[in-house]
Amino acid sequence: MTISMVDFLSQLSNPVFFVTTALTLAVILVNGWTDAPNAIATCVSTRSMDVRKAIWMAAVFNFFGVLLMTALNATVAHTIYHMVDFGGDTRVALAALCAAMLAIVLWATAAWRFGIPTSESHALIAGLSGAAIALQGGFSGINASEWIKVIYGLVLSTALGFAAGYAAVRGIELLFCGLDRAYARLLFKHAQVAAAAGMAFMHGAQDGQKFMGVFLLGLFLSGGQSGTDLFVIPVWLMVLCSLVMALGTSVGGYRIIKSVGMDMVKLEKHQGFAADLAAALCLLLASIWGLPVSTTHTKTTAIMGVGAARRLSCVNWRIVGEMILTWVLTFPGCGLIGYLMARLFIHMV
């Protein structure tokens, strides 16, 4: 099943759906604003690219990542759509979804304010889960068979991200150990720009699909449908989400670039290339398998792996600790906000 743009515009006359749509677009915008800068953090920190050019490059490749990967493989969107149960009274369910989107915006904006690269993916999952629990009055609102993919994605984005970063930089240093240093710097300067573009593309591919799954959930609820199992993501929705995410990326995210690319580990150009390459490959695997992984986790753990390959003391573990604490708090914190906001919104309607 799919939905046309004309049907979408006609449903905007529903006030609750209008607010839900606005908040969903706000979440996508915030994702591009606070999450996408991770893709270019190392490229900027190693001075392979000017920060303004890097941000615009990320915006462009985020756009194509959302558009092309969704057209080829939309399994991540299907996973997010089926992860929670918003069945029952569609009017009440739509209000709960609206509450979940508001919770995510509040959580993500607070994390950005403190310059902490929180995971928008986990905030999305937590906010939706909290709202579904409030809607269904218990954990029956969670689809365990789909939610377990979140756990698999968490393991992939941390353990595999770290291991891939470690292995990539070791392999590069082994292969290019006899290369002239001046030539090597020039080579990896260009290689890192390409790898950062790939990382930005995969960010759009992963995170764009997650939000389109939520967008379609809101569309179907507004149309009085709560149990649609099969759907096709329309091209107009791909373009809309791509543009909004690209706009958010173009706004910047300088604090997060500094935290991830400059404060956590001091990298050279070949190390930055290794981190970007490792993270992009991990995200590609996750997208093919339909696992909703965190692009923030994947990139930052890849950077940690690269730093640890030199020696453990090269990693600023204080910054790492702050990030991990934020990640740990995201599920209960954003989930609780989603739950409380949903209870309030349900009571209001």
C-alpha atoms as a PDB file:
ATOM      1  CA  MET A   1       0.000   0.000   0.000  1.00  0.00           C
ATOM      2  CA  THR A   2       1.150   3.556  -0.691  1.00  0.00           C
ATOM      3  CA  ILE A   3      -0.278   7.056  -0.375  1.00  0.00           C
ATOM      4  CA  SER A   4      -0.230   9.942  -2.841  1.00  0.00           C
ATOM      5  CA  MET A   5       0.917  13.463  -2.091  1.00  0.00           C
ATOM      6  CA  VAL A   6      -2.629  14.701  -2.776  1.00  0.00           C
ATOM      7  CA  ASP A   7      -3.977  12.393  -0.058  1.00  0.00           C
ATOM      8  CA  PHE A   8      -1.249  13.596   2.304  1.00  0.00           C
ATOM      9  CA  LEU A   9      -2.115  17.261   1.731  1.00  0.00           C
ATOM     10  CA  SER A  10      -5.820  16.577   2.226  1.00  0.00           C
ATOM     11  CA  GLN A  11      -5.131  14.909   5.594  1.00  0.00           C
ATOM     12  CA  LEU A  12      -3.321  18.009   6.872  1.00  0.00           C
ATOM     13  CA  SER A  13      -6.772  19.441   7.637  1.00  0.00           C
ATOM     14  CA  ASN A  14      -6.735  17.125  10.668  1.00  0.00           C
ATOM     15  CA  PRO A  15      -5.199  19.350  13.406  1.00  0.00           C
ATOM     16  CA  VAL A  16      -3.570  16.461  15.295  1.00  0.00           C
ATOM     17  CA  PHE A  17      -2.058  15.074  12.106  1.00  0.00           C
ATOM     18  CA  PHE A  18      -0.853  18.541  11.115  1.00  0.00           C
ATOM     19  CA  VAL A  19       0.988  18.924  14.447  1.00  0.00           C
ATOM     20  CA  THR A  20       2.343  15.363  14.198  1.00  0.00           C
ATOM     21  CA  THR A  21       3.648  16.068  10.688  1.00  0.00           C
ATOM     22  CA  ALA A  22       5.263  19.320  11.818  1.00  0.00           C
ATOM     23  CA  LEU A  23       6.952  17.552  14.752  1.00  0.00           C
ATOM     24  CA  THR A  24       8.109  14.639  12.571  1.00  0.00           C
ATOM     25  CA  LEU A  25       9.694  17.085  10.136  1.00  0.00           C
ATOM     26  CA  ALA A  26      11.220  18.886  13.126  1.00  0.00           C
ATOM     27  CA  VAL A  27      12.749  15.582  14.305  1.00  0.00           C
ATOM     28  CA  ILE A  28      14.195  14.968  10.824  1.00  0.00           C
ATOM     29  CA  LEU A  29      15.556  18.531  10.789  1.00  0.00           C
ATOM     30  CA  VAL A  30      17.116  18.084  14.242  1.00  0.00           C
ATOM     31  CA  ASN A  31      18.588  14.761  13.134  1.00  0.00           C
ATOM     32  CA  GLY A  32      20.312  16.436  10.202  1.00  0.00           C
ATOM     33  CA  TRP A  33      21.400  19.240  12.495  1.00  0.00           C
ATOM     34  CA  THR A  34      22.749  17.194  15.421  1.00  0.00           C
ATOM     35  CA  ASP A  35      23.488  13.710  14.041  1.00  0.00           C
ATOM     36  CA  ALA A  36      24.819  14.284  10.527  1.00  0.00           C
ATOM     37  CA  PRO A  37      27.831  16.338  11.722  1.00  0.00           C
ATOM     38  CA  ASN A  38      29.296  13.064  13.034  1.00  0.00           C
ATOM     39  CA  ALA A  39      29.811  12.033   9.419  1.00  0.00           C
ATOM     40  CA  ILE A  40      32.203  14.914   8.717  1.00  0.00           C
ATOM     41  CA  ALA A  41      33.762  15.387  12.174  1.00  0.00           C
ATOM     42  CA  THR A  42      37.010  13.572  11.362  1.00  0.00           C
ATOM     43  CA  CYS A  43      37.267  15.147   7.905  1.00  0.00           C
ATOM     44  CA  VAL A  44      37.167  18.601   9.509  1.00  0.00           C
ATOM     45  CA  SER A  45      39.415  17.763  12.478  1.00  0.00           C
ATOM     46  CA  THR A  46      42.248  16.512  10.226  1.00  0.00           C
ATOM     47  CA  ARG A  47      41.894  19.639   8.046  1.00  0.00           C
ATOM     48  CA  SER A  48      41.151  17.590   4.978  1.00  0.00           C
ATOM     49  CA  MET A  49      38.223  19.883   4.283  1.00  0.00           C
ATOM     50  CA  ASP A  50      36.972  23.290   5.354  1.00  0.00           C
ATOM     51  CA  VAL A  51      34.084  23.035   7.815  1.00  0.00           C
ATOM     52  CA  ARG A  52      31.596  24.977   5.670  1.00  0.00           C
ATOM     53  CA  LYS A  53      32.356  22.937   2.553  1.00  0.00           C
ATOM     54  CA  ALA A  54      32.190  19.739   4.607  1.00  0.00           C
ATOM     55  CA  ILE A  55      28.754  20.654   5.980  1.00  0.00           C
ATOM     56  CA  TRP A  56      27.387  21.325   2.506  1.00  0.00           C
ATOM     57  CA  MET A  57      28.934  18.119   1.208  1.00  0.00           C
ATOM     58  CA  ALA A  58      27.258  16.213   4.042  1.00  0.00           C
ATOM     59  CA  ALA A  59      23.922  17.874   3.215  1.00  0.00           C
ATOM     60  CA  VAL A  60      24.135  16.775  -0.423  1.00  0.00           C
ATOM     61  CA  PHE A  61      25.156  13.192   0.338  1.00  0.00           C
ATOM     62  CA  ASN A  62      22.567  12.879   3.109  1.00  0.00           C
ATOM     63  CA  PHE A  63      19.981  13.779   0.478  1.00  0.00           C
ATOM     64  CA  PHE A  64      21.138  11.091  -1.948  1.00  0.00           C
ATOM     65  CA  GLY A  65      21.520   8.555   0.861  1.00  0.00           C
ATOM     66  CA  VAL A  66      17.886   8.914   1.871  1.00  0.00           C
ATOM     67  CA  LEU A  67      16.662   8.878  -1.711  1.00  0.00           C
ATOM     68  CA  LEU A  68      18.725   6.088  -3.261  1.00  0.00           C
ATOM     69  CA  MET A  69      19.000   3.579  -0.409  1.00  0.00           C
ATOM     70  CA  THR A  70      15.280   3.785   0.350  1.00  0.00           C
ATOM     71  CA  ALA A  71      14.488   3.090  -3.306  1.00  0.00           C
ATOM     72  CA  LEU A  72      16.811   0.050  -3.280  1.00  0.00           C
ATOM     73  CA  ASN A  73      16.219  -1.423   0.189  1.00  0.00           C
ATOM     74  CA  ALA A  74      13.601  -0.069   2.633  1.00  0.00           C
ATOM     75  CA  THR A  75      13.865  -2.814   5.286  1.00  0.00           C
ATOM     76  CA  VAL A  76      14.951  -0.390   8.032  1.00  0.00           C
ATOM     77  CA  ALA A  77      11.766   1.652   7.516  1.00  0.00           C
ATOM     78  CA  HIS A  78       9.662  -1.516   7.768  1.00  0.00           C
ATOM     79  CA  THR A  79      11.448  -2.520  10.998  1.00  0.00           C
ATOM     80  CA  ILE A  80      10.695   0.831  12.650  1.00  0.00           C
ATOM     81  CA  TYR A  81       7.079   0.800  11.422  1.00  0.00           C
ATOM     82  CA  HIS A  82       6.378  -2.635  12.925  1.00  0.00           C
ATOM     83  CA  MET A  83       8.452  -2.202  16.102  1.00  0.00           C
ATOM     84  CA  VAL A  84       5.585  -0.754  18.191  1.00  0.00           C
ATOM     85  CA  ASP A  85       1.816  -1.202  18.284  1.00  0.00           C
ATOM     86  CA  PHE A  86      -0.221   1.943  17.678  1.00  0.00           C
ATOM     87  CA  GLY A  87      -3.401  -0.041  16.991  1.00  0.00           C
ATOM     88  CA  GLY A  88      -6.845   0.685  18.408  1.00  0.00           C
ATOM     89  CA  ASP A  89      -8.549   4.067  18.262  1.00  0.00           C
ATOM     90  CA  THR A  90      -6.610   5.821  15.491  1.00  0.00           C
ATOM     91  CA  ARG A  91      -7.447   9.298  16.833  1.00  0.00           C
ATOM     92  CA  VAL A  92      -5.903   8.476  20.229  1.00  0.00           C
ATOM     93  CA  ALA A  93      -3.004   6.618  18.590  1.00  0.00           C
ATOM     94  CA  LEU A  94      -2.191   9.665  16.462  1.00  0.00           C
ATOM     95  CA  ALA A  95      -2.096  11.842  19.595  1.00  0.00           C
ATOM     96  CA  ALA A  96       0.345   9.353  21.192  1.00  0.00           C
ATOM     97  CA  LEU A  97       2.549   9.462  18.093  1.00  0.00           C
ATOM     98  CA  CYS A  98       2.497  13.258  18.252  1.00  0.00           C
ATOM     99  CA  ALA A  99       3.661  13.044  21.877  1.00  0.00           C
ATOM    100  CA  ALA A 100       6.522  10.717  20.892  1.00  0.00           C
ATOM    101  CA  MET A 101       7.775  13.181  18.278  1.00  0.00           C
ATOM    102  CA  LEU A 102       7.692  16.048  20.784  1.00  0.00           C
ATOM    103  CA  ALA A 103       9.683  13.968  23.287  1.00  0.00           C
ATOM    104  CA  ILE A 104      12.386  13.281  20.688  1.00  0.00           C
ATOM    105  CA  VAL A 105      12.709  16.957  19.756  1.00  0.00           C
ATOM    106  CA  LEU A 106      13.045  17.950  23.421  1.00  0.00           C
ATOM    107  CA  TRP A 107      15.653  15.262  24.137  1.00  0.00           C
ATOM    108  CA  ALA A 108      17.736  15.914  21.009  1.00  0.00           C
ATOM    109  CA  THR A 109      17.745  19.688  21.470  1.00  0.00           C
ATOM    110  CA  ALA A 110      18.878  19.368  25.083  1.00  0.00           C
ATOM    111  CA  ALA A 111      21.739  17.049  24.041  1.00  0.00           C
ATOM    112  CA  TRP A 112      22.798  19.481  21.294  1.00  0.00           C
ATOM    113  CA  ARG A 113      22.769  22.344  23.800  1.00  0.00           C
ATOM    114  CA  PHE A 114      25.486  20.563  25.785  1.00  0.00           C
ATOM    115  CA  GLY A 115      27.413  19.481  22.677  1.00  0.00           C
ATOM    116  CA  ILE A 116      26.861  15.771  23.328  1.00  0.00           C
ATOM    117  CA  PRO A 117      26.362  13.585  20.218  1.00  0.00           C
ATOM    118  CA  THR A 118      23.345  11.662  21.427  1.00  0.00           C
ATOM    119  CA  SER A 119      21.795   9.069  19.150  1.00  0.00           C
ATOM    120  CA  GLU A 120      18.688  10.323  17.373  1.00  0.00           C
ATOM    121  CA  SER A 121      17.988   6.731  16.347  1.00  0.00           C
ATOM    122  CA  HIS A 122      17.795   5.578  19.958  1.00  0.00           C
ATOM    123  CA  ALA A 123      15.807   8.673  20.931  1.00  0.00           C
ATOM    124  CA  LEU A 124      13.323   7.812  18.167  1.00  0.00           C
ATOM    125  CA  ILE A 125      13.051   4.195  19.298  1.00  0.00           C
ATOM    126  CA  ALA A 126      12.746   5.185  22.966  1.00  0.00           C
ATOM    127  CA  GLY A 127      10.152   7.912  22.334  1.00  0.00           C
ATOM    128  CA  LEU A 128       8.010   5.624  20.167  1.00  0.00           C
ATOM    129  CA  SER A 129       8.264   2.784  22.694  1.00  0.00           C
ATOM    130  CA  GLY A 130       7.288   5.013  25.632  1.00  0.00           C
ATOM    131  CA  ALA A 131       4.286   6.373  23.737  1.00  0.00           C
ATOM    132  CA  ALA A 132       3.176   2.872  22.640  1.00  0.00           C
ATOM    133  CA  ILE A 133       3.366   1.601  26.235  1.00  0.00           C
ATOM    134  CA  ALA A 134       1.210   4.540  27.367  1.00  0.00           C
ATOM    135  CA  LEU A 135      -1.256   3.916  24.530  1.00  0.00           C
ATOM    136  CA  GLN A 136      -1.650   0.181  25.134  1.00  0.00           C
ATOM    137  CA  GLY A 137      -1.381   0.364  28.923  1.00  0.00           C
ATOM    138  CA  GLY A 138       1.610  -1.971  29.127  1.00  0.00           C
ATOM    139  CA  PHE A 139       4.417  -3.703  27.259  1.00  0.00           C
ATOM    140  CA  SER A 140       1.968  -5.245  24.823  1.00  0.00           C
ATOM    141  CA  GLY A 141       2.624  -2.061  22.863  1.00  0.00           C
ATOM    142  CA  ILE A 142       6.127  -3.371  22.022  1.00  0.00           C
ATOM    143  CA  ASN A 143       6.674  -5.885  19.224  1.00  0.00           C
ATOM    144  CA  ALA A 144       9.496  -7.962  20.726  1.00  0.00           C
ATOM    145  CA  SER A 145      10.429  -9.721  17.468  1.00  0.00           C
ATOM    146  CA  GLU A 146      11.147  -6.355  15.816  1.00  0.00           C
ATOM    147  CA  TRP A 147      12.506  -4.610  18.923  1.00  0.00           C
ATOM    148  CA  ILE A 148      15.223  -7.288  19.286  1.00  0.00           C
ATOM    149  CA  LYS A 149      16.713  -5.911  16.072  1.00  0.00           C
ATOM    150  CA  VAL A 150      17.475  -2.743  18.051  1.00  0.00           C
ATOM    151  CA  ILE A 151      19.638  -4.819  20.401  1.00  0.00           C
ATOM    152  CA  TYR A 152      21.396  -6.442  17.454  1.00  0.00           C
ATOM    153  CA  GLY A 153      21.960  -2.985  15.999  1.00  0.00           C
ATOM    154  CA  LEU A 154      23.353  -1.708  19.296  1.00  0.00           C
ATOM    155  CA  VAL A 155      25.915  -4.534  19.364  1.00  0.00           C
ATOM    156  CA  LEU A 156      26.778  -3.954  15.701  1.00  0.00           C
ATOM    157  CA  SER A 157      27.197  -0.207  16.107  1.00  0.00           C
ATOM    158  CA  THR A 158      29.491  -0.508  19.127  1.00  0.00           C
ATOM    159  CA  ALA A 159      31.475  -3.759  19.014  1.00  0.00           C
ATOM    160  CA  LEU A 160      31.782  -4.004  15.228  1.00  0.00           C
ATOM    161  CA  GLY A 161      32.341  -0.254  14.875  1.00  0.00           C
ATOM    162  CA  PHE A 162      35.273  -0.371  17.316  1.00  0.00           C
ATOM    163  CA  ALA A 163      36.727  -3.558  15.785  1.00  0.00           C
ATOM    164  CA  ALA A 164      36.353  -2.263  12.217  1.00  0.00           C
ATOM    165  CA  GLY A 165      38.067   1.030  13.090  1.00  0.00           C
ATOM    166  CA  TYR A 166      40.938  -0.816  14.780  1.00  0.00           C
ATOM    167  CA  ALA A 167      41.359  -3.271  11.884  1.00  0.00           C
ATOM    168  CA  ALA A 168      41.053  -0.595   9.178  1.00  0.00           C
ATOM    169  CA  VAL A 169      43.798   1.646  10.538  1.00  0.00           C
ATOM    170  CA  ARG A 170      46.091  -1.329  11.216  1.00  0.00           C
ATOM    171  CA  GLY A 171      45.581  -2.560   7.656  1.00  0.00           C
ATOM    172  CA  ILE A 172      46.200   0.879   6.145  1.00  0.00           C
ATOM    173  CA  GLU A 173      49.395   1.388   8.153  1.00  0.00           C
ATOM    174  CA  LEU A 174      50.635  -2.042   7.077  1.00  0.00           C
ATOM    175  CA  LEU A 175      49.844  -1.507   3.385  1.00  0.00           C
ATOM    176  CA  PHE A 176      51.230   2.034   3.117  1.00  0.00           C
ATOM    177  CA  CYS A 177      54.132   1.900   5.592  1.00  0.00           C
ATOM    178  CA  GLY A 178      56.734   2.518   2.855  1.00  0.00           C
ATOM    179  CA  LEU A 179      54.932   5.460   1.255  1.00  0.00           C
ATOM    180  CA  ASP A 180      56.520   8.934   1.244  1.00  0.00           C
ATOM    181  CA  ARG A 181      54.951  10.933   4.096  1.00  0.00           C
ATOM    182  CA  ALA A 182      54.193  14.037   2.006  1.00  0.00           C
ATOM    183  CA  TYR A 183      52.540  11.939  -0.714  1.00  0.00           C
ATOM    184  CA  ALA A 184      50.683   9.886   1.905  1.00  0.00           C
ATOM    185  CA  ARG A 185      49.214  13.023   3.491  1.00  0.00           C
ATOM    186  CA  LEU A 186      48.002  14.252   0.090  1.00  0.00           C
ATOM    187  CA  LEU A 187      46.600  10.832  -0.809  1.00  0.00           C
ATOM    188  CA  PHE A 188      44.675  10.396   2.438  1.00  0.00           C
ATOM    189  CA  LYS A 189      43.466  13.985   2.390  1.00  0.00           C
ATOM    190  CA  HIS A 190      41.516  13.220  -0.796  1.00  0.00           C
ATOM    191  CA  ALA A 191      40.632   9.705   0.348  1.00  0.00           C
ATOM    192  CA  GLN A 192      39.173  11.049   3.566  1.00  0.00           C
ATOM    193  CA  VAL A 193      36.937  13.500   1.722  1.00  0.00           C
ATOM    194  CA  ALA A 194      35.563  10.573  -0.299  1.00  0.00           C
ATOM    195  CA  ALA A 195      35.119   8.437   2.841  1.00  0.00           C
ATOM    196  CA  ALA A 196      33.336  11.287   4.654  1.00  0.00           C
ATOM    197  CA  ALA A 197      30.985  11.635   1.682  1.00  0.00           C
ATOM    198  CA  GLY A 198      30.289   7.905   1.926  1.00  0.00           C
ATOM    199  CA  MET A 199      29.662   8.226   5.649  1.00  0.00           C
ATOM    200  CA  ALA A 200      27.202  11.098   5.041  1.00  0.00           C
ATOM    201  CA  PHE A 201      25.465   9.012   2.365  1.00  0.00           C
ATOM    202  CA  MET A 202      25.052   6.082   4.767  1.00  0.00           C
ATOM    203  CA  HIS A 203      23.792   8.389   7.525  1.00  0.00           C
ATOM    204  CA  GLY A 204      20.982   9.483   5.224  1.00  0.00           C
ATOM    205  CA  ALA A 205      20.367   5.885   4.181  1.00  0.00           C
ATOM    206  CA  GLN A 206      19.962   4.703   7.780  1.00  0.00           C
ATOM    207  CA  ASP A 207      18.310   7.607   9.562  1.00  0.00           C
ATOM    208  CA  GLY A 208      16.156   8.771   6.664  1.00  0.00           C
ATOM    209  CA  GLN A 209      14.434   5.385   6.516  1.00  0.00           C
ATOM    210  CA  LYS A 210      13.703   5.383  10.245  1.00  0.00           C
ATOM    211  CA  PHE A 211      11.829   8.658  10.041  1.00  0.00           C
ATOM    212  CA  MET A 212       9.963   7.736   6.885  1.00  0.00           C
ATOM    213  CA  GLY A 213       8.623   4.675   8.707  1.00  0.00           C
ATOM    214  CA  VAL A 214       7.250   6.992  11.399  1.00  0.00           C
ATOM    215  CA  PHE A 215       5.921   9.425   8.801  1.00  0.00           C
ATOM    216  CA  LEU A 216       3.931   6.662   7.113  1.00  0.00           C
ATOM    217  CA  LEU A 217       2.612   5.473  10.473  1.00  0.00           C
ATOM    218  CA  GLY A 218       1.194   8.954  11.062  1.00  0.00           C
ATOM    219  CA  LEU A 219      -0.292   9.055   7.558  1.00  0.00           C
ATOM    220  CA  PHE A 220      -2.070   5.732   7.976  1.00  0.00           C
ATOM    221  CA  LEU A 221      -3.374   6.609  11.450  1.00  0.00           C
ATOM    222  CA  SER A 222      -4.724   9.902  10.151  1.00  0.00           C
ATOM    223  CA  GLY A 223      -6.524   7.969   7.413  1.00  0.00           C
ATOM    224  CA  GLY A 224      -8.153   5.701   9.998  1.00  0.00           C
ATOM    225  CA  GLN A 225      -5.874   2.709   9.352  1.00  0.00           C
ATOM    226  CA  SER A 226      -3.873   1.147  12.178  1.00  0.00           C
ATOM    227  CA  GLY A 227      -3.017  -2.308  10.876  1.00  0.00           C
ATOM    228  CA  THR A 228      -1.310  -1.840   7.494  1.00  0.00           C
ATOM    229  CA  ASP A 229       1.368  -4.530   7.170  1.00  0.00           C
ATOM    230  CA  LEU A 230       2.616  -3.939   3.636  1.00  0.00           C
ATOM    231  CA  PHE A 231       3.426  -0.515   2.246  1.00  0.00           C
ATOM    232  CA  VAL A 232       5.548   1.186  -0.383  1.00  0.00           C
ATOM    233  CA  ILE A 233       7.398   4.406   0.438  1.00  0.00           C
ATOM    234  CA  PRO A 234       6.343   6.994  -2.189  1.00  0.00           C
ATOM    235  CA  VAL A 235       8.992   8.992  -4.032  1.00  0.00           C
ATOM    236  CA  TRP A 236       7.536  12.330  -2.888  1.00  0.00           C
ATOM    237  CA  LEU A 237       8.104  11.296   0.744  1.00  0.00           C
ATOM    238  CA  MET A 238      11.704  10.288   0.015  1.00  0.00           C
ATOM    239  CA  VAL A 239      12.327  13.699  -1.543  1.00  0.00           C
ATOM    240  CA  LEU A 240      10.623  15.572   1.313  1.00  0.00           C
ATOM    241  CA  CYS A 241      12.612  13.766   4.029  1.00  0.00           C
ATOM    242  CA  SER A 242      15.824  14.130   2.017  1.00  0.00           C
ATOM    243  CA  LEU A 243      15.390  17.891   1.670  1.00  0.00           C
ATOM    244  CA  VAL A 244      14.511  18.446   5.341  1.00  0.00           C
ATOM    245  CA  MET A 245      17.465  16.361   6.549  1.00  0.00           C
ATOM    246  CA  ALA A 246      19.804  18.162   4.138  1.00  0.00           C
ATOM    247  CA  LEU A 247      18.494  21.508   5.422  1.00  0.00           C
ATOM    248  CA  GLY A 248      19.210  20.452   8.995  1.00  0.00           C
ATOM    249  CA  THR A 249      22.727  19.376   8.047  1.00  0.00           C
ATOM    250  CA  SER A 250      23.399  22.706   6.336  1.00  0.00           C
ATOM    251  CA  VAL A 251      22.580  24.528   9.592  1.00  0.00           C
ATOM    252  CA  GLY A 252      25.709  22.986  11.045  1.00  0.00           C
ATOM    253  CA  GLY A 253      26.560  21.258  14.253  1.00  0.00           C
ATOM    254  CA  TYR A 254      29.885  22.792  15.161  1.00  0.00           C
ATOM    255  CA  ARG A 255      29.756  21.729  18.824  1.00  0.00           C
ATOM    256  CA  ILE A 256      29.327  18.082  17.922  1.00  0.00           C
ATOM    257  CA  ILE A 257      32.050  18.237  15.265  1.00  0.00           C
ATOM    258  CA  LYS A 258      34.367  19.536  17.980  1.00  0.00           C
ATOM    259  CA  SER A 259      33.361  16.860  20.523  1.00  0.00           C
ATOM    260  CA  VAL A 260      33.658  13.913  18.143  1.00  0.00           C
ATOM    261  CA  GLY A 261      36.443  14.968  15.800  1.00  0.00           C
ATOM    262  CA  MET A 262      38.679  17.097  17.988  1.00  0.00           C
ATOM    263  CA  ASP A 263      38.177  16.439  21.696  1.00  0.00           C
ATOM    264  CA  MET A 264      37.772  12.642  21.782  1.00  0.00           C
ATOM    265  CA  VAL A 265      40.825  11.549  19.726  1.00  0.00           C
ATOM    266  CA  LYS A 266      43.480  13.516  17.852  1.00  0.00           C
ATOM    267  CA  LEU A 267      43.616  11.931  14.407  1.00  0.00           C
ATOM    268  CA  GLU A 268      45.913  12.134  11.407  1.00  0.00           C
ATOM    269  CA  LYS A 269      44.521  11.992   7.870  1.00  0.00           C
ATOM    270  CA  HIS A 270      44.972   8.249   7.333  1.00  0.00           C
ATOM    271  CA  GLN A 271      43.365   7.572  10.707  1.00  0.00           C
ATOM    272  CA  GLY A 272      40.390   9.775   9.865  1.00  0.00           C
ATOM    273  CA  PHE A 273      40.006   7.898   6.583  1.00  0.00           C
ATOM    274  CA  ALA A 274      40.090   4.566   8.424  1.00  0.00           C
ATOM    275  CA  ALA A 275      37.380   5.691  10.864  1.00  0.00           C
ATOM    276  CA  ASP A 276      35.075   6.956   8.115  1.00  0.00           C
ATOM    277  CA  LEU A 277      35.594   3.873   5.955  1.00  0.00           C
ATOM    278  CA  ALA A 278      34.973   1.474   8.862  1.00  0.00           C
ATOM    279  CA  ALA A 279      31.824   3.289  10.021  1.00  0.00           C
ATOM    280  CA  ALA A 280      30.366   3.557   6.498  1.00  0.00           C
ATOM    281  CA  LEU A 281      30.858  -0.171   5.867  1.00  0.00           C
ATOM    282  CA  CYS A 282      29.191  -1.055   9.189  1.00  0.00           C
ATOM    283  CA  LEU A 283      26.205   1.150   8.326  1.00  0.00           C
ATOM    284  CA  LEU A 284      25.955  -0.430   4.876  1.00  0.00           C
ATOM    285  CA  LEU A 285      25.813  -3.920   6.396  1.00  0.00           C
ATOM    286  CA  ALA A 286      23.173  -2.813   8.911  1.00  0.00           C
ATOM    287  CA  SER A 287      21.026  -1.248   6.185  1.00  0.00           C
ATOM    288  CA  ILE A 288      21.163  -4.406   4.073  1.00  0.00           C
ATOM    289  CA  TRP A 289      20.184  -6.545   7.090  1.00  0.00           C
ATOM    290  CA  GLY A 290      17.386  -4.158   8.100  1.00  0.00           C
ATOM    291  CA  LEU A 291      18.917  -3.304  11.482  1.00  0.00           C
ATOM    292  CA  PRO A 292      18.156   0.211  12.833  1.00  0.00           C
ATOM    293  CA  VAL A 293      21.624   1.110  14.120  1.00  0.00           C
ATOM    294  CA  SER A 294      22.863   4.375  15.544  1.00  0.00           C
ATOM    295  CA  THR A 295      25.080   6.311  13.142  1.00  0.00           C
ATOM    296  CA  THR A 296      26.469   8.212  16.136  1.00  0.00           C
ATOM    297  CA  HIS A 297      27.480   5.018  17.939  1.00  0.00           C
ATOM    298  CA  THR A 298      28.996   3.530  14.811  1.00  0.00           C
ATOM    299  CA  LYS A 299      31.101   6.575  13.950  1.00  0.00           C
ATOM    300  CA  THR A 300      32.296   7.358  17.469  1.00  0.00           C
ATOM    301  CA  THR A 301      33.201   3.752  18.293  1.00  0.00           C
ATOM    302  CA  ALA A 302      35.078   3.513  14.981  1.00  0.00           C
ATOM    303  CA  ILE A 303      37.061   6.599  16.031  1.00  0.00           C
ATOM    304  CA  MET A 304      37.748   4.979  19.416  1.00  0.00           C
ATOM    305  CA  GLY A 305      39.014   1.845  17.655  1.00  0.00           C
ATOM    306  CA  VAL A 306      41.338   3.902  15.478  1.00  0.00           C
ATOM    307  CA  GLY A 307      42.708   5.770  18.507  1.00  0.00           C
ATOM    308  CA  ALA A 308      43.123   2.583  20.521  1.00  0.00           C
ATOM    309  CA  ALA A 309      45.138   1.017  17.670  1.00  0.00           C
ATOM    310  CA  ARG A 310      47.881   3.524  18.460  1.00  0.00           C
ATOM    311  CA  ARG A 311      47.527   3.242  22.223  1.00  0.00           C
ATOM    312  CA  LEU A 312      44.651   3.439  24.690  1.00  0.00           C
ATOM    313  CA  SER A 313      45.887   6.722  26.150  1.00  0.00           C
ATOM    314  CA  CYS A 314      45.274   8.412  22.781  1.00  0.00           C
ATOM    315  CA  VAL A 315      41.539   8.291  23.493  1.00  0.00           C
ATOM    316  CA  ASN A 316      40.077  10.966  25.750  1.00  0.00           C
ATOM    317  CA  TRP A 317      38.120   8.596  27.962  1.00  0.00           C
ATOM    318  CA  ARG A 318      36.431  11.455  29.826  1.00  0.00           C
ATOM    319  CA  ILE A 319      34.689  12.532  26.615  1.00  0.00           C
ATOM    320  CA  VAL A 320      33.923   8.894  25.847  1.00  0.00           C
ATOM    321  CA  GLY A 321      32.403   8.485  29.314  1.00  0.00           C
ATOM    322  CA  GLU A 322      30.128  11.491  28.796  1.00  0.00           C
ATOM    323  CA  MET A 323      28.939  10.082  25.480  1.00  0.00           C
ATOM    324  CA  ILE A 324      28.295   6.619  26.883  1.00  0.00           C
ATOM    325  CA  LEU A 325      26.372   8.098  29.807  1.00  0.00           C
ATOM    326  CA  THR A 326      24.158  10.010  27.380  1.00  0.00           C
ATOM    327  CA  TRP A 327      23.604   6.899  25.283  1.00  0.00           C
ATOM    328  CA  VAL A 328      22.700   4.859  28.369  1.00  0.00           C
ATOM    329  CA  LEU A 329      20.275   7.520  29.573  1.00  0.00           C
ATOM    330  CA  THR A 330      18.577   7.929  26.173  1.00  0.00           C
ATOM    331  CA  PHE A 331      16.384   4.816  26.372  1.00  0.00           C
ATOM    332  CA  PRO A 332      14.931   5.399  29.857  1.00  0.00           C
ATOM    333  CA  GLY A 333      15.075   9.217  29.629  1.00  0.00           C
ATOM    334  CA  CYS A 334      13.493   9.780  26.225  1.00  0.00           C
ATOM    335  CA  GLY A 335      11.232   6.764  26.759  1.00  0.00           C
ATOM    336  CA  LEU A 336       9.892   8.253  29.987  1.00  0.00           C
ATOM    337  CA  ILE A 337       9.309  11.633  28.340  1.00  0.00           C
ATOM    338  CA  GLY A 338       7.486   9.886  25.491  1.00  0.00           C
ATOM    339  CA  TYR A 339       5.364   7.948  27.976  1.00  0.00           C
ATOM    340  CA  LEU A 340       4.431  11.013  30.058  1.00  0.00           C
ATOM    341  CA  MET A 341       3.739  13.205  27.033  1.00  0.00           C
ATOM    342  CA  ALA A 342       1.581  10.455  25.505  1.00  0.00           C
ATOM    343  CA  ARG A 343      -0.433  10.075  28.704  1.00  0.00           C
ATOM    344  CA  LEU A 344      -1.005  13.846  28.687  1.00  0.00           C
ATOM    345  CA  PHE A 345      -1.944  13.995  25.008  1.00  0.00           C
ATOM    346  CA  ILE A 346      -4.254  10.963  25.270  1.00  0.00           C
ATOM    347  CA  HIS A 347      -6.026  12.607  28.199  1.00  0.00           C
ATOM    348  CA  MET A 348      -6.409  15.828  26.197  1.00  0.00           C
ATOM    349  CA  VAL A 349      -8.096  14.147  23.225  1.00  0.00           C
END
